[in-house]
Amino acid sequence: METFWTQTHPSRCPDNSAFKQQKLPAWKPQLTITTVLSSFFVTGVFCLSVGVCLVLSANSVREIQINYSDECSDCSKLRENSSNWNNECYCSVDFMLKEDMLVSGCENPAQIA
């Protein structure tokens, strides 16, 4: 015996299927002590090797320091007054490298720039 309401308005309930009811079977991994420890140590070895590579590459970095405060004193004097914020000032300092800086994977030094 259907009432007027069910005849004019169908039910809004989803179909009674496993997909619509979100009851699909899922993969449930079996975590044993062997799988957990092996994945832990494999991850640790990977992170350790990446860390060693980073430390070795950081130790091979060459650094030079050039003091240009005397050569570019005109620009600093220009910037002392805040009304000169849009005035351009160019400063150039020539320097020589005491030793070659090698770049891995770069045969031609012109490729660096």
PDB file of N, CA and C in Angstrom:
ATOM      1  N   MET A   1       0.842  -1.159   0.000  1.00  0.00           N
ATOM      2  CA  MET A   1       0.000   0.000   0.000  1.00  0.00           C
ATOM      3  C   MET A   1       0.897   1.233   0.000  1.00  0.00           C
ATOM      4  N   GLU A   2       0.952   1.872  -1.133  1.00  0.00           N
ATOM      5  CA  GLU A   2       1.793   3.045  -1.288  1.00  0.00           C
ATOM      6  C   GLU A   2       0.975   4.288  -1.023  1.00  0.00           C
ATOM      7  N   THR A   3       1.619   5.213  -0.423  1.00  0.00           N
ATOM      8  CA  THR A   3       0.932   6.474  -0.163  1.00  0.00           C
ATOM      9  C   THR A   3       1.195   7.435  -1.306  1.00  0.00           C
ATOM     10  N   PHE A   4       0.569   8.555  -1.247  1.00  0.00           N
ATOM     11  CA  PHE A   4       0.729   9.572  -2.270  1.00  0.00           C
ATOM     12  C   PHE A   4       2.174  10.069  -2.327  1.00  0.00           C
ATOM     13  N   TRP A   5       2.819  10.188  -1.176  1.00  0.00           N
ATOM     14  CA  TRP A   5       4.184  10.719  -1.107  1.00  0.00           C
ATOM     15  C   TRP A   5       5.172   9.806  -1.821  1.00  0.00           C
ATOM     16  N   THR A   6       5.126   8.497  -1.623  1.00  0.00           N
ATOM     17  CA  THR A   6       6.068   7.583  -2.262  1.00  0.00           C
ATOM     18  C   THR A   6       5.789   7.444  -3.746  1.00  0.00           C
ATOM     19  N   GLN A   7       4.601   7.702  -4.183  1.00  0.00           N
ATOM     20  CA  GLN A   7       4.307   7.622  -5.613  1.00  0.00           C
ATOM     21  C   GLN A   7       4.882   8.834  -6.363  1.00  0.00           C
ATOM     22  N   THR A   8       4.814   9.999  -5.794  1.00  0.00           N
ATOM     23  CA  THR A   8       5.279  11.195  -6.486  1.00  0.00           C
ATOM     24  C   THR A   8       6.749  11.495  -6.230  1.00  0.00           C
ATOM     25  N   HIS A   9       7.276  11.081  -5.115  1.00  0.00           N
ATOM     26  CA  HIS A   9       8.673  11.342  -4.770  1.00  0.00           C
ATOM     27  C   HIS A   9       9.378  10.016  -4.516  1.00  0.00           C
ATOM     28  N   PRO A  10      10.287   9.608  -5.419  1.00  0.00           N
ATOM     29  CA  PRO A  10      10.992   8.347  -5.182  1.00  0.00           C
ATOM     30  C   PRO A  10      11.959   8.477  -4.008  1.00  0.00           C
ATOM     31  N   SER A  11      12.331   7.353  -3.466  1.00  0.00           N
ATOM     32  CA  SER A  11      13.220   7.330  -2.306  1.00  0.00           C
ATOM     33  C   SER A  11      14.604   7.853  -2.691  1.00  0.00           C
ATOM     34  N   ARG A  12      15.240   8.567  -1.765  1.00  0.00           N
ATOM     35  CA  ARG A  12      16.574   9.108  -2.019  1.00  0.00           C
ATOM     36  C   ARG A  12      17.669   8.195  -1.475  1.00  0.00           C
ATOM     37  N   CYS A  13      17.321   7.030  -1.010  1.00  0.00           N
ATOM     38  CA  CYS A  13      18.307   6.076  -0.504  1.00  0.00           C
ATOM     39  C   CYS A  13      19.095   5.495  -1.670  1.00  0.00           C
ATOM     40  N   PRO A  14      20.404   5.299  -1.515  1.00  0.00           N
ATOM     41  CA  PRO A  14      21.198   4.711  -2.603  1.00  0.00           C
ATOM     42  C   PRO A  14      20.864   3.226  -2.761  1.00  0.00           C
ATOM     43  N   ASP A  15      21.263   2.700  -3.922  1.00  0.00           N
ATOM     44  CA  ASP A  15      21.055   1.278  -4.165  1.00  0.00           C
ATOM     45  C   ASP A  15      21.792   0.471  -3.108  1.00  0.00           C
ATOM     46  N   ASN A  16      21.319  -0.699  -2.865  1.00  0.00           N
ATOM     47  CA  ASN A  16      21.918  -1.557  -1.848  1.00  0.00           C
ATOM     48  C   ASN A  16      23.017  -2.402  -2.479  1.00  0.00           C
ATOM     49  N   SER A  17      24.065  -1.736  -2.978  1.00  0.00           N
ATOM     50  CA  SER A  17      25.205  -2.447  -3.548  1.00  0.00           C
ATOM     51  C   SER A  17      26.429  -2.160  -2.680  1.00  0.00           C
ATOM     52  N   ALA A  18      27.440  -3.016  -2.811  1.00  0.00           N
ATOM     53  CA  ALA A  18      28.649  -2.844  -1.989  1.00  0.00           C
ATOM     54  C   ALA A  18      29.364  -1.540  -2.344  1.00  0.00           C
ATOM     55  N   PHE A  19      29.307  -1.151  -3.619  1.00  0.00           N
ATOM     56  CA  PHE A  19      29.965   0.086  -4.028  1.00  0.00           C
ATOM     57  C   PHE A  19      29.242   1.289  -3.458  1.00  0.00           C
ATOM     58  N   LYS A  20      27.942   1.322  -3.576  1.00  0.00           N
ATOM     59  CA  LYS A  20      27.182   2.477  -3.091  1.00  0.00           C
ATOM     60  C   LYS A  20      27.187   2.549  -1.564  1.00  0.00           C
ATOM     61  N   GLN A  21      27.254   1.427  -0.909  1.00  0.00           N
ATOM     62  CA  GLN A  21      27.270   1.416   0.554  1.00  0.00           C
ATOM     63  C   GLN A  21      28.695   1.515   1.114  1.00  0.00           C
ATOM     64  N   GLN A  22      29.683   1.633   0.237  1.00  0.00           N
ATOM     65  CA  GLN A  22      31.095   1.762   0.601  1.00  0.00           C
ATOM     66  C   GLN A  22      31.558   0.620   1.503  1.00  0.00           C
ATOM     67  N   LYS A  23      31.249  -0.579   1.054  1.00  0.00           N
ATOM     68  CA  LYS A  23      31.661  -1.771   1.791  1.00  0.00           C
ATOM     69  C   LYS A  23      32.485  -2.687   0.903  1.00  0.00           C
ATOM     70  N   LEU A  24      33.330  -2.094   0.042  1.00  0.00           N
ATOM     71  CA  LEU A  24      34.174  -2.891  -0.828  1.00  0.00           C
ATOM     72  C   LEU A  24      35.322  -3.482  -0.028  1.00  0.00           C
ATOM     73  N   PRO A  25      35.776  -4.652  -0.412  1.00  0.00           N
ATOM     74  CA  PRO A  25      36.909  -5.228   0.314  1.00  0.00           C
ATOM     75  C   PRO A  25      38.167  -4.412   0.047  1.00  0.00           C
ATOM     76  N   ALA A  26      38.983  -4.222   1.072  1.00  0.00           N
ATOM     77  CA  ALA A  26      40.200  -3.422   0.956  1.00  0.00           C
ATOM     78  C   ALA A  26      41.407  -4.287   1.276  1.00  0.00           C
ATOM     79  N   TRP A  27      42.573  -3.847   0.765  1.00  0.00           N
ATOM     80  CA  TRP A  27      43.807  -4.557   1.050  1.00  0.00           C
ATOM     81  C   TRP A  27      44.265  -4.199   2.452  1.00  0.00           C
ATOM     82  N   LYS A  28      44.450  -5.188   3.261  1.00  0.00           N
ATOM     83  CA  LYS A  28      44.910  -4.967   4.635  1.00  0.00           C
ATOM     84  C   LYS A  28      46.253  -5.654   4.782  1.00  0.00           C
ATOM     85  N   PRO A  29      47.347  -4.868   4.819  1.00  0.00           N
ATOM     86  CA  PRO A  29      48.669  -5.503   4.902  1.00  0.00           C
ATOM     87  C   PRO A  29      48.889  -6.180   6.246  1.00  0.00           C
ATOM     88  N   GLN A  30      49.612  -7.281   6.189  1.00  0.00           N
ATOM     89  CA  GLN A  30      49.954  -8.001   7.407  1.00  0.00           C
ATOM     90  C   GLN A  30      51.298  -7.484   7.888  1.00  0.00           C
ATOM     91  N   LEU A  31      51.288  -6.660   8.909  1.00  0.00           N
ATOM     92  CA  LEU A  31      52.522  -6.088   9.429  1.00  0.00           C
ATOM     93  C   LEU A  31      53.143  -7.049  10.430  1.00  0.00           C
ATOM     94  N   THR A  32      54.269  -7.643  10.032  1.00  0.00           N
ATOM     95  CA  THR A  32      55.006  -8.519  10.935  1.00  0.00           C
ATOM     96  C   THR A  32      56.271  -7.789  11.368  1.00  0.00           C
ATOM     97  N   ILE A  33      56.927  -8.331  12.355  1.00  0.00           N
ATOM     98  CA  ILE A  33      58.149  -7.703  12.853  1.00  0.00           C
ATOM     99  C   ILE A  33      59.222  -7.692  11.772  1.00  0.00           C
ATOM    100  N   THR A  34      59.235  -8.704  10.920  1.00  0.00           N
ATOM    101  CA  THR A  34      60.239  -8.780   9.856  1.00  0.00           C
ATOM    102  C   THR A  34      60.024  -7.689   8.813  1.00  0.00           C
ATOM    103  N   THR A  35      58.782  -7.486   8.379  1.00  0.00           N
ATOM    104  CA  THR A  35      58.525  -6.462   7.359  1.00  0.00           C
ATOM    105  C   THR A  35      58.727  -5.059   7.912  1.00  0.00           C
ATOM    106  N   VAL A  36      58.348  -4.839   9.148  1.00  0.00           N
ATOM    107  CA  VAL A  36      58.503  -3.509   9.739  1.00  0.00           C
ATOM    108  C   VAL A  36      59.981  -3.174   9.927  1.00  0.00           C
ATOM    109  N   LEU A  37      60.745  -4.079  10.480  1.00  0.00           N
ATOM    110  CA  LEU A  37      62.167  -3.813  10.709  1.00  0.00           C
ATOM    111  C   LEU A  37      62.941  -3.703   9.396  1.00  0.00           C
ATOM    112  N   SER A  38      62.620  -4.555   8.436  1.00  0.00           N
ATOM    113  CA  SER A  38      63.343  -4.473   7.166  1.00  0.00           C
ATOM    114  C   SER A  38      63.042  -3.160   6.444  1.00  0.00           C
ATOM    115  N   SER A  39      61.790  -2.734   6.446  1.00  0.00           N
ATOM    116  CA  SER A  39      61.472  -1.449   5.802  1.00  0.00           C
ATOM    117  C   SER A  39      62.101  -0.293   6.578  1.00  0.00           C
ATOM    118  N   PHE A  40      62.174  -0.389   7.894  1.00  0.00           N
ATOM    119  CA  PHE A  40      62.813   0.638   8.707  1.00  0.00           C
ATOM    120  C   PHE A  40      64.293   0.754   8.378  1.00  0.00           C
ATOM    121  N   PHE A  41      64.992  -0.376   8.290  1.00  0.00           N
ATOM    122  CA  PHE A  41      66.426  -0.343   8.010  1.00  0.00           C
ATOM    123  C   PHE A  41      66.723   0.047   6.566  1.00  0.00           C
ATOM    124  N   VAL A  42      65.886  -0.346   5.627  1.00  0.00           N
ATOM    125  CA  VAL A  42      66.086   0.066   4.232  1.00  0.00           C
ATOM    126  C   VAL A  42      65.910   1.571   4.106  1.00  0.00           C
ATOM    127  N   THR A  43      64.910   2.119   4.773  1.00  0.00           N
ATOM    128  CA  THR A  43      64.711   3.569   4.762  1.00  0.00           C
ATOM    129  C   THR A  43      65.888   4.279   5.430  1.00  0.00           C
ATOM    130  N   GLY A  44      66.395   3.729   6.508  1.00  0.00           N
ATOM    131  CA  GLY A  44      67.545   4.315   7.193  1.00  0.00           C
ATOM    132  C   GLY A  44      68.797   4.304   6.345  1.00  0.00           C
ATOM    133  N   VAL A  45      69.051   3.218   5.631  1.00  0.00           N
ATOM    134  CA  VAL A  45      70.218   3.138   4.754  1.00  0.00           C
ATOM    135  C   VAL A  45      70.083   4.141   3.604  1.00  0.00           C
ATOM    136  N   PHE A  46      68.905   4.280   3.062  1.00  0.00           N
ATOM    137  CA  PHE A  46      68.679   5.257   1.985  1.00  0.00           C
ATOM    138  C   PHE A  46      68.940   6.673   2.486  1.00  0.00           C
ATOM    139  N   CYS A  47      68.380   7.029   3.637  1.00  0.00           N
ATOM    140  CA  CYS A  47      68.581   8.381   4.186  1.00  0.00           C
ATOM    141  C   CYS A  47      70.039   8.617   4.544  1.00  0.00           C
ATOM    142  N   LEU A  48      70.715   7.622   5.047  1.00  0.00           N
ATOM    143  CA  LEU A  48      72.133   7.752   5.387  1.00  0.00           C
ATOM    144  C   LEU A  48      72.967   7.982   4.130  1.00  0.00           C
ATOM    145  N   SER A  49      72.680   7.257   3.064  1.00  0.00           N
ATOM    146  CA  SER A  49      73.446   7.443   1.823  1.00  0.00           C
ATOM    147  C   SER A  49      73.186   8.820   1.213  1.00  0.00           C
ATOM    148  N   VAL A  50      71.961   9.302   1.268  1.00  0.00           N
ATOM    149  CA  VAL A  50      71.669  10.649   0.775  1.00  0.00           C
ATOM    150  C   VAL A  50      72.395  11.687   1.633  1.00  0.00           C
ATOM    151  N   GLY A  51      72.431  11.504   2.931  1.00  0.00           N
ATOM    152  CA  GLY A  51      73.132  12.424   3.825  1.00  0.00           C
ATOM    153  C   GLY A  51      74.616  12.453   3.568  1.00  0.00           C
ATOM    154  N   VAL A  52      75.229  11.298   3.320  1.00  0.00           N
ATOM    155  CA  VAL A  52      76.666  11.245   3.027  1.00  0.00           C
ATOM    156  C   VAL A  52      76.956  11.971   1.725  1.00  0.00           C
ATOM    157  N   CYS A  53      76.111  11.768   0.711  1.00  0.00           N
ATOM    158  CA  CYS A  53      76.300  12.472  -0.563  1.00  0.00           C
ATOM    159  C   CYS A  53      76.175  13.986  -0.382  1.00  0.00           C
ATOM    160  N   LEU A  54      75.239  14.429   0.420  1.00  0.00           N
ATOM    161  CA  LEU A  54      75.075  15.864   0.660  1.00  0.00           C
ATOM    162  C   LEU A  54      76.264  16.454   1.399  1.00  0.00           C
ATOM    163  N   VAL A  55      76.788  15.746   2.387  1.00  0.00           N
ATOM    164  CA  VAL A  55      77.945  16.239   3.136  1.00  0.00           C
ATOM    165  C   VAL A  55      79.173  16.301   2.238  1.00  0.00           C
ATOM    166  N   LEU A  56      79.384  15.276   1.410  1.00  0.00           N
ATOM    167  CA  LEU A  56      80.536  15.279   0.516  1.00  0.00           C
ATOM    168  C   LEU A  56      80.442  16.400  -0.512  1.00  0.00           C
ATOM    169  N   SER A  57      79.260  16.656  -1.031  1.00  0.00           N
ATOM    170  CA  SER A  57      79.122  17.736  -2.001  1.00  0.00           C
ATOM    171  C   SER A  57      79.242  19.098  -1.329  1.00  0.00           C
ATOM    172  N   ALA A  58      78.803  19.228  -0.092  1.00  0.00           N
ATOM    173  CA  ALA A  58      78.929  20.503   0.615  1.00  0.00           C
ATOM    174  C   ALA A  58      80.384  20.794   0.964  1.00  0.00           C
ATOM    175  N   ASN A  59      81.172  19.765   1.209  1.00  0.00           N
ATOM    176  CA  ASN A  59      82.591  19.970   1.532  1.00  0.00           C
ATOM    177  C   ASN A  59      83.408  20.393   0.317  1.00  0.00           C
ATOM    178  N   SER A  60      82.906  20.134  -0.882  1.00  0.00           N
ATOM    179  CA  SER A  60      83.663  20.486  -2.086  1.00  0.00           C
ATOM    180  C   SER A  60      83.308  21.883  -2.607  1.00  0.00           C
ATOM    181  N   VAL A  61      82.515  22.634  -1.878  1.00  0.00           N
ATOM    182  CA  VAL A  61      82.128  23.975  -2.304  1.00  0.00           C
ATOM    183  C   VAL A  61      83.274  24.941  -2.050  1.00  0.00           C
ATOM    184  N   ARG A  62      83.585  25.755  -3.062  1.00  0.00           N
ATOM    185  CA  ARG A  62      84.617  26.782  -2.921  1.00  0.00           C
ATOM    186  C   ARG A  62      83.925  28.121  -2.722  1.00  0.00           C
ATOM    187  N   GLU A  63      84.471  28.928  -1.847  1.00  0.00           N
ATOM    188  CA  GLU A  63      83.853  30.217  -1.537  1.00  0.00           C
ATOM    189  C   GLU A  63      84.926  31.301  -1.588  1.00  0.00           C
ATOM    190  N   ILE A  64      84.569  32.426  -2.187  1.00  0.00           N
ATOM    191  CA  ILE A  64      85.461  33.579  -2.176  1.00  0.00           C
ATOM    192  C   ILE A  64      84.708  34.752  -1.575  1.00  0.00           C
ATOM    193  N   GLN A  65      85.453  35.629  -0.915  1.00  0.00           N
ATOM    194  CA  GLN A  65      84.854  36.829  -0.339  1.00  0.00           C
ATOM    195  C   GLN A  65      85.540  38.041  -0.938  1.00  0.00           C
ATOM    196  N   ILE A  66      84.733  38.968  -1.422  1.00  0.00           N
ATOM    197  CA  ILE A  66      85.255  40.189  -2.035  1.00  0.00           C
ATOM    198  C   ILE A  66      84.618  41.363  -1.320  1.00  0.00           C
ATOM    199  N   ASN A  67      85.431  42.220  -0.736  1.00  0.00           N
ATOM    200  CA  ASN A  67      84.934  43.408  -0.054  1.00  0.00           C
ATOM    201  C   ASN A  67      84.830  44.535  -1.086  1.00  0.00           C
ATOM    202  N   TYR A  68      83.654  44.977  -1.351  1.00  0.00           N
ATOM    203  CA  TYR A  68      83.458  46.031  -2.348  1.00  0.00           C
ATOM    204  C   TYR A  68      82.901  47.312  -1.721  1.00  0.00           C
ATOM    205  N   SER A  69      83.018  47.448  -0.429  1.00  0.00           N
ATOM    206  CA  SER A  69      82.473  48.636   0.231  1.00  0.00           C
ATOM    207  C   SER A  69      83.229  49.911  -0.160  1.00  0.00           C
ATOM    208  N   ASP A  70      84.552  49.808  -0.401  1.00  0.00           N
ATOM    209  CA  ASP A  70      85.315  51.001  -0.799  1.00  0.00           C
ATOM    210  C   ASP A  70      85.042  51.377  -2.257  1.00  0.00           C
ATOM    211  N   GLU A  71      84.955  50.368  -3.129  1.00  0.00           N
ATOM    212  CA  GLU A  71      84.754  50.635  -4.553  1.00  0.00           C
ATOM    213  C   GLU A  71      83.350  51.151  -4.852  1.00  0.00           C
ATOM    214  N   CYS A  72      82.381  50.768  -4.058  1.00  0.00           N
ATOM    215  CA  CYS A  72      80.983  51.136  -4.319  1.00  0.00           C
ATOM    216  C   CYS A  72      80.458  52.129  -3.290  1.00  0.00           C
ATOM    217  N   SER A  73      81.319  52.963  -2.765  1.00  0.00           N
ATOM    218  CA  SER A  73      80.876  53.911  -1.746  1.00  0.00           C
ATOM    219  C   SER A  73      79.929  54.966  -2.314  1.00  0.00           C
ATOM    220  N   ASP A  74      80.032  55.238  -3.640  1.00  0.00           N
ATOM    221  CA  ASP A  74      79.116  56.214  -4.246  1.00  0.00           C
ATOM    222  C   ASP A  74      77.668  55.730  -4.172  1.00  0.00           C
ATOM    223  N   CYS A  75      77.460  54.450  -4.384  1.00  0.00           N
ATOM    224  CA  CYS A  75      76.097  53.899  -4.325  1.00  0.00           C
ATOM    225  C   CYS A  75      75.552  53.948  -2.899  1.00  0.00           C
ATOM    226  N   SER A  76      76.389  53.664  -1.926  1.00  0.00           N
ATOM    227  CA  SER A  76      75.904  53.700  -0.547  1.00  0.00           C
ATOM    228  C   SER A  76      75.587  55.127  -0.119  1.00  0.00           C
ATOM    229  N   LYS A  77      76.371  56.094  -0.606  1.00  0.00           N
ATOM    230  CA  LYS A  77      76.062  57.498  -0.284  1.00  0.00           C
ATOM    231  C   LYS A  77      74.762  57.931  -0.956  1.00  0.00           C
ATOM    232  N   LEU A  78      74.523  57.420  -2.152  1.00  0.00           N
ATOM    233  CA  LEU A  78      73.279  57.741  -2.857  1.00  0.00           C
ATOM    234  C   LEU A  78      72.077  57.188  -2.103  1.00  0.00           C
ATOM    235  N   ARG A  79      72.207  56.010  -1.512  1.00  0.00           N
ATOM    236  CA  ARG A  79      71.094  55.359  -0.819  1.00  0.00           C
ATOM    237  C   ARG A  79      70.856  55.911   0.588  1.00  0.00           C
ATOM    238  N   GLU A  80      71.769  56.725   1.091  1.00  0.00           N
ATOM    239  CA  GLU A  80      71.564  57.305   2.424  1.00  0.00           C
ATOM    240  C   GLU A  80      70.348  58.209   2.446  1.00  0.00           C
ATOM    241  N   ASN A  81      70.071  58.872   1.348  1.00  0.00           N
ATOM    242  CA  ASN A  81      68.900  59.742   1.251  1.00  0.00           C
ATOM    243  C   ASN A  81      67.758  58.911   0.653  1.00  0.00           C
ATOM    244  N   SER A  82      66.659  58.783   1.371  1.00  0.00           N
ATOM    245  CA  SER A  82      65.559  57.938   0.910  1.00  0.00           C
ATOM    246  C   SER A  82      64.833  58.502  -0.302  1.00  0.00           C
ATOM    247  N   SER A  83      65.052  59.748  -0.630  1.00  0.00           N
ATOM    248  CA  SER A  83      64.392  60.307  -1.815  1.00  0.00           C
ATOM    249  C   SER A  83      65.037  59.801  -3.106  1.00  0.00           C
ATOM    250  N   ASN A  84      66.186  59.159  -3.005  1.00  0.00           N
ATOM    251  CA  ASN A  84      66.872  58.625  -4.187  1.00  0.00           C
ATOM    252  C   ASN A  84      66.544  57.147  -4.425  1.00  0.00           C
ATOM    253  N   TRP A  85      65.413  56.706  -3.969  1.00  0.00           N
ATOM    254  CA  TRP A  85      65.088  55.282  -4.054  1.00  0.00           C
ATOM    255  C   TRP A  85      64.971  54.800  -5.494  1.00  0.00           C
ATOM    256  N   ASN A  86      64.591  55.670  -6.427  1.00  0.00           N
ATOM    257  CA  ASN A  86      64.410  55.215  -7.808  1.00  0.00           C
ATOM    258  C   ASN A  86      65.602  55.525  -8.699  1.00  0.00           C
ATOM    259  N   ASN A  87      66.633  56.160  -8.185  1.00  0.00           N
ATOM    260  CA  ASN A  87      67.841  56.428  -8.973  1.00  0.00           C
ATOM    261  C   ASN A  87      68.671  55.151  -9.062  1.00  0.00           C
ATOM    262  N   GLU A  88      69.115  54.828 -10.265  1.00  0.00           N
ATOM    263  CA  GLU A  88      69.901  53.624 -10.466  1.00  0.00           C
ATOM    264  C   GLU A  88      71.365  53.886 -10.175  1.00  0.00           C
ATOM    265  N   CYS A  89      72.010  52.900  -9.620  1.00  0.00           N
ATOM    266  CA  CYS A  89      73.430  53.004  -9.325  1.00  0.00           C
ATOM    267  C   CYS A  89      74.069  51.660  -9.657  1.00  0.00           C
ATOM    268  N   TYR A  90      75.097  51.666 -10.474  1.00  0.00           N
ATOM    269  CA  TYR A  90      75.777  50.444 -10.879  1.00  0.00           C
ATOM    270  C   TYR A  90      77.177  50.436 -10.294  1.00  0.00           C
ATOM    271  N   CYS A  91      77.565  49.299  -9.813  1.00  0.00           N
ATOM    272  CA  CYS A  91      78.881  49.137  -9.221  1.00  0.00           C
ATOM    273  C   CYS A  91      79.522  47.896  -9.834  1.00  0.00           C
ATOM    274  N   SER A  92      80.770  47.999 -10.233  1.00  0.00           N
ATOM    275  CA  SER A  92      81.473  46.881 -10.850  1.00  0.00           C
ATOM    276  C   SER A  92      82.814  46.696 -10.156  1.00  0.00           C
ATOM    277  N   VAL A  93      83.117  45.461  -9.808  1.00  0.00           N
ATOM    278  CA  VAL A  93      84.367  45.143  -9.133  1.00  0.00           C
ATOM    279  C   VAL A  93      85.041  44.023  -9.915  1.00  0.00           C
ATOM    280  N   ASP A  94      86.263  44.242 -10.372  1.00  0.00           N
ATOM    281  CA  ASP A  94      87.028  43.220 -11.068  1.00  0.00           C
ATOM    282  C   ASP A  94      87.797  42.390 -10.046  1.00  0.00           C
ATOM    283  N   PHE A  95      87.880  41.097 -10.286  1.00  0.00           N
ATOM    284  CA  PHE A  95      88.634  40.230  -9.386  1.00  0.00           C
ATOM    285  C   PHE A  95      89.205  39.070 -10.186  1.00  0.00           C
ATOM    286  N   MET A  96      90.231  38.450  -9.640  1.00  0.00           N
ATOM    287  CA  MET A  96      90.885  37.292 -10.254  1.00  0.00           C
ATOM    288  C   MET A  96      90.772  36.117  -9.294  1.00  0.00           C
ATOM    289  N   LEU A  97      90.536  34.957  -9.840  1.00  0.00           N
ATOM    290  CA  LEU A  97      90.491  33.739  -9.035  1.00  0.00           C
ATOM    291  C   LEU A  97      91.898  33.186  -8.887  1.00  0.00           C
ATOM    292  N   LYS A  98      92.272  32.778  -7.681  1.00  0.00           N
ATOM    293  CA  LYS A  98      93.611  32.269  -7.431  1.00  0.00           C
ATOM    294  C   LYS A  98      93.776  30.849  -7.964  1.00  0.00           C
ATOM    295  N   GLU A  99      92.673  30.117  -8.041  1.00  0.00           N
ATOM    296  CA  GLU A  99      92.727  28.739  -8.541  1.00  0.00           C
ATOM    297  C   GLU A  99      91.466  28.458  -9.347  1.00  0.00           C
ATOM    298  N   ASP A 100      91.545  27.444 -10.183  1.00  0.00           N
ATOM    299  CA  ASP A 100      90.399  27.093 -11.020  1.00  0.00           C
ATOM    300  C   ASP A 100      89.285  26.493 -10.174  1.00  0.00           C
ATOM    301  N   MET A 101      88.075  26.830 -10.545  1.00  0.00           N
ATOM    302  CA  MET A 101      86.909  26.225  -9.914  1.00  0.00           C
ATOM    303  C   MET A 101      86.297  25.263 -10.919  1.00  0.00           C
ATOM    304  N   LEU A 102      86.368  24.000 -10.629  1.00  0.00           N
ATOM    305  CA  LEU A 102      85.867  22.986 -11.551  1.00  0.00           C
ATOM    306  C   LEU A 102      84.393  22.731 -11.289  1.00  0.00           C
ATOM    307  N   VAL A 103      83.664  22.612 -12.377  1.00  0.00           N
ATOM    308  CA  VAL A 103      82.247  22.306 -12.286  1.00  0.00           C
ATOM    309  C   VAL A 103      82.047  20.941 -12.908  1.00  0.00           C
ATOM    310  N   SER A 104      81.474  20.008 -12.170  1.00  0.00           N
ATOM    311  CA  SER A 104      81.282  18.667 -12.709  1.00  0.00           C
ATOM    312  C   SER A 104      80.219  18.690 -13.800  1.00  0.00           C
ATOM    313  N   GLY A 105      80.481  17.954 -14.866  1.00  0.00           N
ATOM    314  CA  GLY A 105      79.548  17.871 -15.969  1.00  0.00           C
ATOM    315  C   GLY A 105      79.599  19.062 -16.900  1.00  0.00           C
ATOM    316  N   CYS A 106      80.621  19.902 -16.762  1.00  0.00           N
ATOM    317  CA  CYS A 106      80.730  21.105 -17.587  1.00  0.00           C
ATOM    318  C   CYS A 106      82.134  21.138 -18.176  1.00  0.00           C
ATOM    319  N   GLU A 107      82.256  20.824 -19.469  1.00  0.00           N
ATOM    320  CA  GLU A 107      83.569  20.777 -20.097  1.00  0.00           C
ATOM    321  C   GLU A 107      84.056  22.167 -20.476  1.00  0.00           C
ATOM    322  N   ASN A 108      83.146  23.030 -20.902  1.00  0.00           N
ATOM    323  CA  ASN A 108      83.504  24.357 -21.353  1.00  0.00           C
ATOM    324  C   ASN A 108      83.199  25.362 -20.233  1.00  0.00           C
ATOM    325  N   PRO A 109      84.180  26.117 -19.723  1.00  0.00           N
ATOM    326  CA  PRO A 109      83.906  27.071 -18.647  1.00  0.00           C
ATOM    327  C   PRO A 109      82.902  28.145 -19.041  1.00  0.00           C
ATOM    328  N   ALA A 110      82.720  28.371 -20.331  1.00  0.00           N
ATOM    329  CA  ALA A 110      81.751  29.386 -20.773  1.00  0.00           C
ATOM    330  C   ALA A 110      80.318  28.924 -20.499  1.00  0.00           C
ATOM    331  N   GLN A 111      80.110  27.636 -20.256  1.00  0.00           N
ATOM    332  CA  GLN A 111      78.776  27.122 -19.980  1.00  0.00           C
ATOM    333  C   GLN A 111      78.302  27.473 -18.579  1.00  0.00           C
ATOM    334  N   ILE A 112      79.183  27.890 -17.714  1.00  0.00           N
ATOM    335  CA  ILE A 112      78.817  28.166 -16.322  1.00  0.00           C
ATOM    336  C   ILE A 112      77.899  29.364 -16.232  1.00  0.00           C
ATOM    337  N   ALA A 113      78.194  30.414 -16.983  1.00  0.00           N
ATOM    338  CA  ALA A 113      77.402  31.640 -16.913  1.00  0.00           C
ATOM    339  C   ALA A 113      76.126  31.461 -17.597  1.00  0.00           C
TER     340      ALA A 113
END
